[in-house]
Protein backbone atom coordinates (compact mmCIF):
# COMPACT_ATOMS: atom_id res chain seq x y z
CA UNK A 1 120.67 160.59 170.42
CA UNK A 2 121.16 162.21 166.99
CA UNK A 3 120.37 159.91 164.09
CA UNK A 4 122.77 160.21 161.13
CA UNK A 5 121.45 159.28 157.70
CA UNK A 6 124.02 157.05 155.93
CA UNK A 7 125.07 157.91 152.39
CA UNK A 8 124.31 154.38 151.26
CA UNK A 9 121.32 152.21 152.04
CA UNK A 10 123.34 149.07 151.44
CA UNK A 11 124.30 147.51 154.79
CA UNK A 12 127.74 146.31 153.65
CA UNK A 13 128.57 149.68 152.07
CA UNK A 14 127.46 151.47 155.22
CA UNK A 15 129.70 149.21 157.32
CA UNK A 16 132.68 149.77 155.03
CA UNK A 17 132.05 153.50 155.11
CA UNK A 18 132.22 153.50 158.92
CA UNK A 19 135.48 151.53 158.83
CA UNK A 20 137.07 154.03 156.46
CA UNK A 21 135.74 156.94 158.51
CA UNK A 22 137.39 155.49 161.65
CA UNK A 23 140.63 154.84 159.76
CA UNK A 24 140.80 158.44 158.49
CA UNK A 25 140.13 159.72 161.99
CA UNK A 26 142.92 157.52 163.37
CA UNK A 27 145.38 158.70 160.72
CA UNK A 28 144.50 162.36 161.27
CA UNK A 29 144.76 162.15 165.07
CA UNK A 30 148.16 160.42 165.15
CA UNK A 31 151.47 162.28 165.07
CA UNK A 32 153.73 160.61 162.54
CA UNK A 33 153.00 157.89 159.98
CA UNK A 34 151.19 154.69 160.87
CA UNK A 35 152.05 151.35 159.31
CA UNK A 36 149.48 149.49 157.26
CA UNK A 37 149.59 146.68 159.81
CA UNK A 38 148.85 149.03 162.71
CA UNK A 39 145.85 150.64 161.05
CA UNK A 40 144.49 147.30 159.86
CA UNK A 41 144.78 145.85 163.36
CA UNK A 42 142.86 148.82 164.78
CA UNK A 43 140.12 148.23 162.20
CA UNK A 44 139.98 144.50 162.96
CA UNK A 45 141.03 143.49 159.44
CA UNK A 46 143.94 141.82 157.74
CA UNK A 47 146.43 144.25 156.15
CA UNK A 48 145.64 143.01 152.63
CA UNK A 49 141.87 143.31 153.09
CA UNK A 50 142.12 146.77 154.63
CA UNK A 51 144.51 147.98 151.90
CA UNK A 52 142.06 146.92 149.18
CA UNK A 53 139.08 148.47 150.98
CA UNK A 54 140.83 151.76 151.75
CA UNK A 55 142.19 152.13 148.22
CA UNK A 56 138.76 151.46 146.74
CA UNK A 57 137.06 154.10 148.90
CA UNK A 58 139.73 156.79 149.08
CA UNK A 59 141.49 156.29 145.75
CA UNK A 60 145.05 155.77 147.02
CA UNK A 61 146.84 153.59 149.54
CA UNK A 62 146.83 154.45 153.27
CA UNK A 63 150.54 155.30 153.01
CA UNK A 64 149.97 157.75 150.15
CA UNK A 65 146.96 159.30 151.88
CA UNK A 66 149.04 160.01 154.98
CA UNK A 67 151.45 161.99 152.84
CA UNK A 68 148.59 164.29 151.88
CA UNK A 69 147.79 164.97 155.53
CA UNK A 70 151.20 166.37 156.38
CA UNK A 71 151.41 170.02 157.34
CA UNK A 72 153.61 170.69 154.33
CA UNK A 73 150.97 169.50 151.89
CA UNK A 74 149.39 172.96 151.67
CA UNK A 75 152.68 174.43 150.45
CA UNK A 76 152.99 171.65 147.90
CA UNK A 77 149.50 172.44 146.64
CA UNK A 78 150.33 176.12 146.26
CA UNK A 79 153.47 175.23 144.33
CA UNK A 80 151.99 172.54 142.10
CA UNK A 81 148.19 172.96 142.07
CA UNK A 82 147.75 176.72 142.39
CA UNK A 83 145.07 178.24 140.18
CA UNK A 84 144.44 181.87 139.43
CA UNK A 85 140.73 182.52 139.41
CA UNK A 86 141.03 184.80 136.38
CA UNK A 87 142.42 181.89 134.38
CA UNK A 88 139.73 179.58 135.72
CA UNK A 89 137.01 181.94 134.54
CA UNK A 90 138.69 182.50 131.17
CA UNK A 91 138.84 178.83 130.21
CA UNK A 92 135.70 177.69 132.00
CA UNK A 93 137.77 175.46 134.23
CA UNK A 94 135.70 173.20 136.46
CA UNK A 95 138.28 170.64 137.51
CA UNK A 96 139.16 167.14 136.43
CA UNK A 97 140.18 163.84 137.96
CA UNK A 98 138.27 160.98 139.47
CA UNK A 99 136.62 162.86 142.32
CA UNK A 100 133.02 163.82 141.78
CA UNK A 101 133.77 167.47 141.19
CA UNK A 102 130.85 168.94 143.12
CA UNK A 103 129.10 170.31 140.09
CA UNK A 104 126.33 172.48 141.46
CA UNK A 105 123.64 174.80 140.26
CA UNK A 106 122.97 177.74 142.48
CA UNK A 107 120.94 180.85 142.94
CA UNK A 108 121.21 183.60 145.50
CA UNK A 109 118.67 185.13 147.80
CA UNK A 110 117.95 188.80 147.08
CA UNK A 111 119.57 191.34 149.44
CA UNK A 112 116.12 192.30 150.72
CA UNK A 113 115.24 188.71 151.56
CA UNK A 114 118.61 188.26 153.26
CA UNK A 115 117.99 191.34 155.40
CA UNK A 116 114.83 189.70 156.76
CA UNK A 117 116.99 187.05 158.48
CA UNK A 118 115.01 184.12 157.13
CA UNK A 119 111.55 185.41 158.03
CA UNK A 120 108.93 183.48 156.06
CA UNK A 121 111.38 180.73 155.06
CA UNK A 122 111.01 177.05 155.85
CA UNK A 123 114.41 175.44 156.34
CA UNK A 124 114.65 171.66 156.49
CA UNK A 125 117.53 170.01 158.32
CA UNK A 126 119.07 166.66 159.11
CA UNK A 127 122.27 164.92 160.19
CA UNK A 128 124.21 162.75 157.75
CA UNK A 129 127.34 160.66 157.69
CA UNK A 130 130.02 162.16 155.46
CA UNK A 131 133.67 161.53 154.56
CA UNK A 132 134.52 164.27 157.07
CA UNK A 133 132.49 163.14 160.04
CA UNK A 134 128.89 163.93 160.99
CA UNK A 135 127.46 166.69 158.77
CA UNK A 136 124.53 168.94 159.58
CA UNK A 137 122.76 169.90 156.34
CA UNK A 138 120.04 172.50 155.92
CA UNK A 139 118.02 173.48 152.85
CA UNK A 140 114.97 175.28 151.54
CA UNK A 141 112.75 174.06 148.72
CA UNK A 142 115.28 175.66 146.35
CA UNK A 143 118.39 173.85 147.53
CA UNK A 144 121.02 173.36 150.22
CA UNK A 145 121.59 176.55 152.20
CA UNK A 146 123.79 175.25 155.01
CA UNK A 147 126.33 172.50 155.65
CA UNK A 148 128.61 172.16 158.64
CA UNK A 149 130.70 169.53 160.40
CA UNK A 150 130.77 168.58 164.06
CA UNK A 151 134.02 166.61 164.29
CA UNK A 152 135.81 169.45 166.09
CA UNK A 153 133.11 171.59 167.73
CA UNK A 154 130.45 169.03 168.65
CA UNK A 155 126.99 168.44 167.22
CA UNK A 156 125.01 170.87 169.37
CA UNK A 157 127.36 173.76 168.65
CA UNK A 158 127.48 172.98 164.91
CA UNK A 159 123.68 172.88 164.77
CA UNK A 160 123.32 176.18 166.65
CA UNK A 161 125.97 177.77 164.45
CA UNK A 162 123.82 177.33 161.35
CA UNK A 163 120.56 177.97 163.18
CA UNK A 164 121.57 181.47 164.28
CA UNK A 165 122.37 182.55 160.72
CA UNK A 166 118.66 182.71 159.86
CA UNK A 167 117.07 183.28 163.27
CA UNK A 168 113.56 184.09 162.02
CA UNK A 169 113.14 181.06 159.76
CA UNK A 170 110.98 178.03 160.56
CA UNK A 171 113.19 174.96 161.02
CA UNK A 172 111.81 171.50 160.25
CA UNK A 173 113.70 168.23 160.80
CA UNK A 174 113.33 166.27 157.55
CA UNK A 175 116.51 164.45 156.47
CA UNK A 176 114.71 162.43 153.80
CA UNK A 177 113.76 165.62 151.97
CA UNK A 178 117.45 166.60 151.83
CA UNK A 179 118.91 163.16 151.24
CA UNK A 180 118.99 163.15 147.39
CA UNK A 181 120.89 166.46 147.42
CA UNK A 182 123.30 165.19 150.08
CA UNK A 183 123.97 162.03 148.08
CA UNK A 184 124.90 164.19 145.12
CA UNK A 185 126.98 166.52 147.29
CA UNK A 186 129.25 163.70 148.49
CA UNK A 187 129.46 161.90 145.16
CA UNK A 188 127.19 159.03 146.16
CA UNK A 189 124.22 159.89 143.97
CA UNK A 190 122.08 157.12 142.53
CA UNK A 191 121.70 158.85 139.17
CA UNK A 192 118.44 160.63 139.90
CA UNK A 193 120.06 164.08 140.09
CA UNK A 194 122.32 165.91 137.71
CA UNK A 195 123.54 168.57 140.14
CA UNK A 196 123.21 169.40 143.81
CA UNK A 197 121.20 172.64 144.03
CA UNK A 198 122.48 175.40 146.32
CA UNK A 199 120.57 178.38 147.68
CA UNK A 200 123.05 181.06 148.72
CA UNK A 201 121.85 183.28 151.54
CA UNK A 202 124.27 186.10 152.24
CA UNK A 203 125.10 189.74 151.71
CA UNK A 204 126.07 190.78 148.13
CA UNK A 205 129.80 190.96 148.88
CA UNK A 206 129.74 187.55 150.54
CA UNK A 207 127.96 186.01 147.56
CA UNK A 208 130.60 187.42 145.18
CA UNK A 209 133.29 185.74 147.28
CA UNK A 210 131.38 182.46 147.42
CA UNK A 211 130.87 182.53 143.65
CA UNK A 212 134.65 182.90 143.24
CA UNK A 213 135.21 179.92 145.53
CA UNK A 214 132.90 177.82 143.33
CA UNK A 215 135.28 178.33 140.39
CA UNK A 216 138.29 176.72 142.13
CA UNK A 217 138.76 173.25 140.62
CA UNK A 218 138.75 170.19 142.85
CA UNK A 219 142.29 169.30 143.92
CA UNK A 220 143.50 172.87 143.39
CA UNK A 221 143.93 175.81 145.75
CA UNK A 222 144.12 179.58 145.56
CA UNK A 223 144.84 182.43 147.96
CA UNK A 224 142.70 185.02 149.69
CA UNK A 225 144.44 187.76 147.70
CA UNK A 226 143.66 185.98 144.42
CA UNK A 227 139.99 185.86 145.39
CA UNK A 228 140.05 189.58 146.19
CA UNK A 229 141.61 190.24 142.79
CA UNK A 230 139.06 188.07 141.00
CA UNK A 231 136.05 189.89 142.46
CA UNK A 232 137.48 193.30 141.61
CA UNK A 233 138.43 194.29 145.18
CA UNK A 234 142.20 193.70 145.34
CA UNK A 235 142.62 195.63 148.60
CA UNK A 236 139.80 193.82 150.40
CA UNK A 237 141.82 190.75 151.40
CA UNK A 238 140.74 190.95 155.03
CA UNK A 239 137.07 191.33 154.06
CA UNK A 240 137.44 188.39 151.70
CA UNK A 241 138.84 186.30 154.54
CA UNK A 242 135.83 187.19 156.68
CA UNK A 243 133.41 186.27 153.87
CA UNK A 244 135.21 182.97 153.32
CA UNK A 245 134.87 182.24 157.03
CA UNK A 246 131.14 183.00 156.93
CA UNK A 247 130.48 180.58 154.08
CA UNK A 248 127.43 178.60 155.26
CA UNK A 249 127.76 175.70 152.79
CA UNK A 250 131.08 174.10 153.62
CA UNK A 251 132.58 171.57 151.17
CA UNK A 252 130.16 172.47 148.35
CA UNK A 253 131.31 176.09 148.37
CA UNK A 254 134.95 175.05 148.76
CA UNK A 255 136.38 177.54 151.24
CA UNK A 256 138.85 174.82 152.26
CA UNK A 257 140.67 175.51 148.95
CA UNK A 258 141.61 179.06 150.04
CA UNK A 259 145.09 179.30 151.60
CA UNK A 260 147.44 182.01 152.79
CA UNK A 261 150.14 183.20 150.39
CA UNK A 262 152.74 181.73 152.75
CA UNK A 263 151.33 178.25 152.27
CA UNK A 264 149.69 178.27 155.69
CA UNK A 265 146.26 176.72 155.90
CA UNK A 266 144.70 179.88 157.30
CA UNK A 267 141.59 179.50 159.40
CA UNK A 268 138.67 177.14 158.94
CA UNK A 269 135.33 177.60 160.62
CA UNK A 270 134.75 173.88 161.26
CA UNK A 271 138.30 173.15 162.46
CA UNK A 272 141.67 172.90 160.73
CA UNK A 273 141.77 169.06 160.95
CA UNK A 274 138.61 169.02 158.82
CA UNK A 275 140.22 171.38 156.29
CA UNK A 276 143.36 169.23 156.09
CA UNK A 277 141.26 166.12 155.60
CA UNK A 278 139.25 167.75 152.80
CA UNK A 279 142.40 168.84 150.97
CA UNK A 280 143.94 165.39 151.40
CA UNK A 281 140.76 163.70 150.22
CA UNK A 282 140.61 165.80 147.07
CA UNK A 283 144.31 165.37 146.33
CA UNK A 284 143.95 161.61 146.64
CA UNK A 285 141.07 161.56 144.19
CA UNK A 286 142.65 163.88 141.62
CA UNK A 287 146.02 162.13 141.54
CA UNK A 288 146.70 160.77 138.04
């Protein structure tokens, strides 16, 4: 059985985290809105207690959070929280609001090293609890190089998905080595780290796309065509979409913030329910 490292070592916090995780799953899996009383009953709590707990962890009430999960939320984001990447670069925009804004420091593997498919690299890995279900995280001594989610595809498939990206690397299970970075990544850091380090391993074009994604503020969205424009390849929208889909460090390199011009969610490698949940989570935490 896979062991998931919790984001908090405190037993009560870990229990509350699991309650909120189950509540978010229930909300996301149900067609139509759920009453506070119904969700609280499913969680084995009184409505008042659950409301306080949910609001403390998520930032808004269960009712408000459900509004963010509607299929029309993406169109609302494009209308009200759209950002052009050129403007983001010009003003040094890095986002605002109450959500830990995923400040990261990153460096990229050289094209020659990437071509060697991980040969000579030691990659550490482990499973962790996250706000979006079980997360598989991988990293070298330089930083996180992979992050995926198993809520839709299953743990074995999610693990193999990252494994095959660097087939010649040596993989070592060591969640404790990664844990401080993962704490920072999900906004649960204990103050020992300033930024979660990332180690980007991809082809040069992919890395340009991923760098553009890193400039999208939390709670905002952009389009694939805007990304293509920002990296100087306005006609390469399809190639940009492919590079976005190949992003190995989900959530931290926020490919979930890239939408179609129409307001459609577009694809998401780890499953559209995960993408919707991420967008809802960020919207909840950046609401004034």
